[in-house]
Amino acid sequence: MHGLDAIVMEMGVTNATSTLSYISKLLTQKTDPYTKARLKDCNELYSNTIDSFKSGIENLGAKRYDDVNMEISAAMTNADTCETGFTEGDGGASPLTKQNQNLVKLGGLALQILELITGGSKKIN
């Protein structure tokens, strides 16, 4: 199960890396300041997300399951924060909805596998 969870977290790294590339592309295309500001926020969040998934993989190998849980949860929160950044305030549609949803799904899957690894002995958020 450890290997499967590591694979899912690697998919999270790949998703976040791809999303960063897409954000860079959008930053060159978008001209309105509101969207550009939100995209810059998402760029930082997704950079942190990559680090979170990588730390999660490292912690998984060391069997620090609480830390794995924290890192995956942080990655999921980053995607949610990116998404809500577009809809709060002045409002607007997020150009990253699909990417954000995919990352949250990968994080949720990683947490479910983590629960199987821990035998359900720990409450996984």
C-alpha atoms as a PDB file:
ATOM      1  CA  MET A   1       0.000   0.000   0.000  1.00  0.00           C
ATOM      2  CA  HIS A   2       2.920   2.338   0.638  1.00  0.00           C
ATOM      3  CA  GLY A   3       3.916   2.104  -2.996  1.00  0.00           C
ATOM      4  CA  LEU A   4       0.407   2.853  -4.190  1.00  0.00           C
ATOM      5  CA  ASP A   5       0.135   5.911  -1.952  1.00  0.00           C
ATOM      6  CA  ALA A   6       3.526   7.133  -3.169  1.00  0.00           C
ATOM      7  CA  ILE A   7       2.364   6.736  -6.775  1.00  0.00           C
ATOM      8  CA  VAL A   8      -0.768   8.790  -6.096  1.00  0.00           C
ATOM      9  CA  MET A   9       1.317  11.513  -4.458  1.00  0.00           C
ATOM     10  CA  GLU A  10       3.707  11.460  -7.441  1.00  0.00           C
ATOM     11  CA  MET A  11       0.626  11.985  -9.612  1.00  0.00           C
ATOM     12  CA  GLY A  12      -0.116  14.985  -7.392  1.00  0.00           C
ATOM     13  CA  VAL A  13       3.359  16.358  -8.115  1.00  0.00           C
ATOM     14  CA  THR A  14       2.792  15.820 -11.844  1.00  0.00           C
ATOM     15  CA  ASN A  15      -0.638  17.486 -11.672  1.00  0.00           C
ATOM     16  CA  ALA A  16       0.718  20.479  -9.775  1.00  0.00           C
ATOM     17  CA  THR A  17       3.713  20.828 -12.118  1.00  0.00           C
ATOM     18  CA  SER A  18       1.432  20.739 -15.157  1.00  0.00           C
ATOM     19  CA  THR A  19      -0.879  23.283 -13.533  1.00  0.00           C
ATOM     20  CA  LEU A  20       2.083  25.591 -12.868  1.00  0.00           C
ATOM     21  CA  SER A  21       2.945  25.470 -16.573  1.00  0.00           C
ATOM     22  CA  TYR A  22      -0.662  26.258 -17.449  1.00  0.00           C
ATOM     23  CA  ILE A  23      -0.704  29.166 -14.991  1.00  0.00           C
ATOM     24  CA  SER A  24       2.469  30.567 -16.600  1.00  0.00           C
ATOM     25  CA  LYS A  25       0.792  30.370 -19.992  1.00  0.00           C
ATOM     26  CA  LEU A  26      -2.334  32.104 -18.681  1.00  0.00           C
ATOM     27  CA  LEU A  27      -0.250  34.852 -17.081  1.00  0.00           C
ATOM     28  CA  THR A  28       1.123  35.766 -20.516  1.00  0.00           C
ATOM     29  CA  GLN A  29      -2.373  35.783 -22.054  1.00  0.00           C
ATOM     30  CA  LYS A  30      -4.494  37.528 -19.405  1.00  0.00           C
ATOM     31  CA  THR A  31      -4.422  41.289 -19.161  1.00  0.00           C
ATOM     32  CA  ASP A  32      -6.927  42.187 -16.456  1.00  0.00           C
ATOM     33  CA  PRO A  33      -5.256  42.885 -13.102  1.00  0.00           C
ATOM     34  CA  TYR A  34      -7.805  40.896 -11.047  1.00  0.00           C
ATOM     35  CA  THR A  35      -7.213  37.643 -12.920  1.00  0.00           C
ATOM     36  CA  LYS A  36      -3.449  38.164 -13.033  1.00  0.00           C
ATOM     37  CA  ALA A  37      -3.331  38.700  -9.260  1.00  0.00           C
ATOM     38  CA  ARG A  38      -5.328  35.515  -8.619  1.00  0.00           C
ATOM     39  CA  LEU A  39      -3.124  33.555 -11.019  1.00  0.00           C
ATOM     40  CA  LYS A  40      -0.016  34.779  -9.218  1.00  0.00           C
ATOM     41  CA  ASP A  41      -1.543  33.618  -5.928  1.00  0.00           C
ATOM     42  CA  CYS A  42      -2.293  30.213  -7.463  1.00  0.00           C
ATOM     43  CA  ASN A  43       1.241  30.029  -8.830  1.00  0.00           C
ATOM     44  CA  GLU A  44       2.621  30.328  -5.298  1.00  0.00           C
ATOM     45  CA  LEU A  45       0.044  27.896  -3.912  1.00  0.00           C
ATOM     46  CA  TYR A  46       0.864  25.264  -6.524  1.00  0.00           C
ATOM     47  CA  SER A  47       4.606  25.673  -5.910  1.00  0.00           C
ATOM     48  CA  ASN A  48       3.885  24.933  -2.246  1.00  0.00           C
ATOM     49  CA  THR A  49       1.682  22.011  -3.278  1.00  0.00           C
ATOM     50  CA  ILE A  50       4.572  20.345  -5.083  1.00  0.00           C
ATOM     51  CA  ASP A  51       6.659  20.669  -1.930  1.00  0.00           C
ATOM     52  CA  SER A  52       3.798  19.267   0.164  1.00  0.00           C
ATOM     53  CA  PHE A  53       3.404  16.168  -1.981  1.00  0.00           C
ATOM     54  CA  LYS A  54       7.174  15.592  -2.058  1.00  0.00           C
ATOM     55  CA  SER A  55       7.330  15.908   1.725  1.00  0.00           C
ATOM     56  CA  GLY A  56       4.361  13.553   1.965  1.00  0.00           C
ATOM     57  CA  ILE A  57       6.245  10.930  -0.037  1.00  0.00           C
ATOM     58  CA  GLU A  58       9.315  11.347   2.150  1.00  0.00           C
ATOM     59  CA  ASN A  59       7.249  11.098   5.344  1.00  0.00           C
ATOM     60  CA  LEU A  60       5.460   8.035   4.016  1.00  0.00           C
ATOM     61  CA  GLY A  61       8.793   6.281   3.573  1.00  0.00           C
ATOM     62  CA  ALA A  62       9.675   7.167   7.164  1.00  0.00           C
ATOM     63  CA  LYS A  63       6.244   5.992   8.374  1.00  0.00           C
ATOM     64  CA  ARG A  64       5.410   9.425   9.792  1.00  0.00           C
ATOM     65  CA  TYR A  65       1.752   9.071   8.918  1.00  0.00           C
ATOM     66  CA  ASP A  66       0.514  12.131  10.793  1.00  0.00           C
ATOM     67  CA  ASP A  67       2.954  14.228   8.768  1.00  0.00           C
ATOM     68  CA  VAL A  68       1.786  12.580   5.534  1.00  0.00           C
ATOM     69  CA  ASN A  69      -1.785  13.452   6.468  1.00  0.00           C
ATOM     70  CA  MET A  70      -0.786  17.071   7.173  1.00  0.00           C
ATOM     71  CA  GLU A  71       1.096  17.450   3.872  1.00  0.00           C
ATOM     72  CA  ILE A  72      -1.678  15.973   1.733  1.00  0.00           C
ATOM     73  CA  SER A  73      -4.286  18.064   3.523  1.00  0.00           C
ATOM     74  CA  ALA A  74      -2.166  21.180   2.905  1.00  0.00           C
ATOM     75  CA  ALA A  75      -1.963  20.374  -0.811  1.00  0.00           C
ATOM     76  CA  MET A  76      -5.741  19.990  -0.984  1.00  0.00           C
ATOM     77  CA  THR A  77      -6.254  23.251   0.901  1.00  0.00           C
ATOM     78  CA  ASN A  78      -3.960  25.027  -1.562  1.00  0.00           C
ATOM     79  CA  ALA A  79      -6.127  23.924  -4.488  1.00  0.00           C
ATOM     80  CA  ASP A  80      -9.285  25.014  -2.665  1.00  0.00           C
ATOM     81  CA  THR A  81      -7.708  28.377  -1.826  1.00  0.00           C
ATOM     82  CA  CYS A  82      -6.723  28.865  -5.457  1.00  0.00           C
ATOM     83  CA  GLU A  83     -10.273  28.142  -6.583  1.00  0.00           C
ATOM     84  CA  THR A  84     -12.008  30.367  -4.041  1.00  0.00           C
ATOM     85  CA  GLY A  85      -9.618  33.209  -4.792  1.00  0.00           C
ATOM     86  CA  PHE A  86     -11.376  33.683  -8.114  1.00  0.00           C
ATOM     87  CA  THR A  87     -14.899  33.624  -6.734  1.00  0.00           C
ATOM     88  CA  GLU A  88     -14.422  35.859  -3.691  1.00  0.00           C
ATOM     89  CA  GLY A  89     -14.335  39.634  -3.783  1.00  0.00           C
ATOM     90  CA  ASP A  90     -15.049  40.941  -7.260  1.00  0.00           C
ATOM     91  CA  GLY A  91     -15.915  37.430  -8.320  1.00  0.00           C
ATOM     92  CA  GLY A  92     -15.149  35.697 -11.529  1.00  0.00           C
ATOM     93  CA  ALA A  93     -14.828  32.285 -13.035  1.00  0.00           C
ATOM     94  CA  SER A  94     -11.685  30.361 -12.254  1.00  0.00           C
ATOM     95  CA  PRO A  95      -9.725  29.208 -15.298  1.00  0.00           C
ATOM     96  CA  LEU A  96      -8.258  26.488 -13.066  1.00  0.00           C
ATOM     97  CA  THR A  97     -11.403  24.740 -11.830  1.00  0.00           C
ATOM     98  CA  LYS A  98     -10.626  21.431 -13.553  1.00  0.00           C
ATOM     99  CA  GLN A  99      -7.015  21.411 -12.342  1.00  0.00           C
ATOM    100  CA  ASN A 100      -8.048  22.302  -8.787  1.00  0.00           C
ATOM    101  CA  GLN A 101     -10.716  19.592  -8.717  1.00  0.00           C
ATOM    102  CA  ASN A 102      -8.293  16.983 -10.041  1.00  0.00           C
ATOM    103  CA  LEU A 103      -5.737  17.828  -7.383  1.00  0.00           C
ATOM    104  CA  VAL A 104      -8.317  17.615  -4.600  1.00  0.00           C
ATOM    105  CA  LYS A 105      -9.411  14.202  -5.932  1.00  0.00           C
ATOM    106  CA  LEU A 106      -5.809  12.950  -5.962  1.00  0.00           C
ATOM    107  CA  GLY A 107      -5.321  14.210  -2.423  1.00  0.00           C
ATOM    108  CA  GLY A 108      -8.522  12.526  -1.289  1.00  0.00           C
ATOM    109  CA  LEU A 109      -7.398   9.251  -2.822  1.00  0.00           C
ATOM    110  CA  ALA A 110      -4.002   9.529  -1.134  1.00  0.00           C
ATOM    111  CA  LEU A 111      -5.729  10.096   2.219  1.00  0.00           C
ATOM    112  CA  GLN A 112      -7.990   7.080   1.689  1.00  0.00           C
ATOM    113  CA  ILE A 113      -4.983   4.888   0.956  1.00  0.00           C
ATOM    114  CA  LEU A 114      -3.234   6.317   4.014  1.00  0.00           C
ATOM    115  CA  GLU A 115      -6.218   5.280   6.105  1.00  0.00           C
ATOM    116  CA  LEU A 116      -5.853   1.733   4.770  1.00  0.00           C
ATOM    117  CA  ILE A 117      -2.150   1.783   5.618  1.00  0.00           C
ATOM    118  CA  THR A 118      -2.804   2.876   9.176  1.00  0.00           C
ATOM    119  CA  GLY A 119      -5.555   0.286   9.497  1.00  0.00           C
ATOM    120  CA  GLY A 120      -8.053   2.984  10.270  1.00  0.00           C
ATOM    121  CA  SER A 121      -6.313   3.421  13.630  1.00  0.00           C
ATOM    122  CA  LYS A 122      -5.873   7.126  12.982  1.00  0.00           C
ATOM    123  CA  LYS A 123      -8.568   9.514  11.973  1.00  0.00           C
ATOM    124  CA  ILE A 124      -7.548  10.828   8.579  1.00  0.00           C
ATOM    125  CA  ASN A 125      -8.971  14.233   7.602  1.00  0.00           C
END
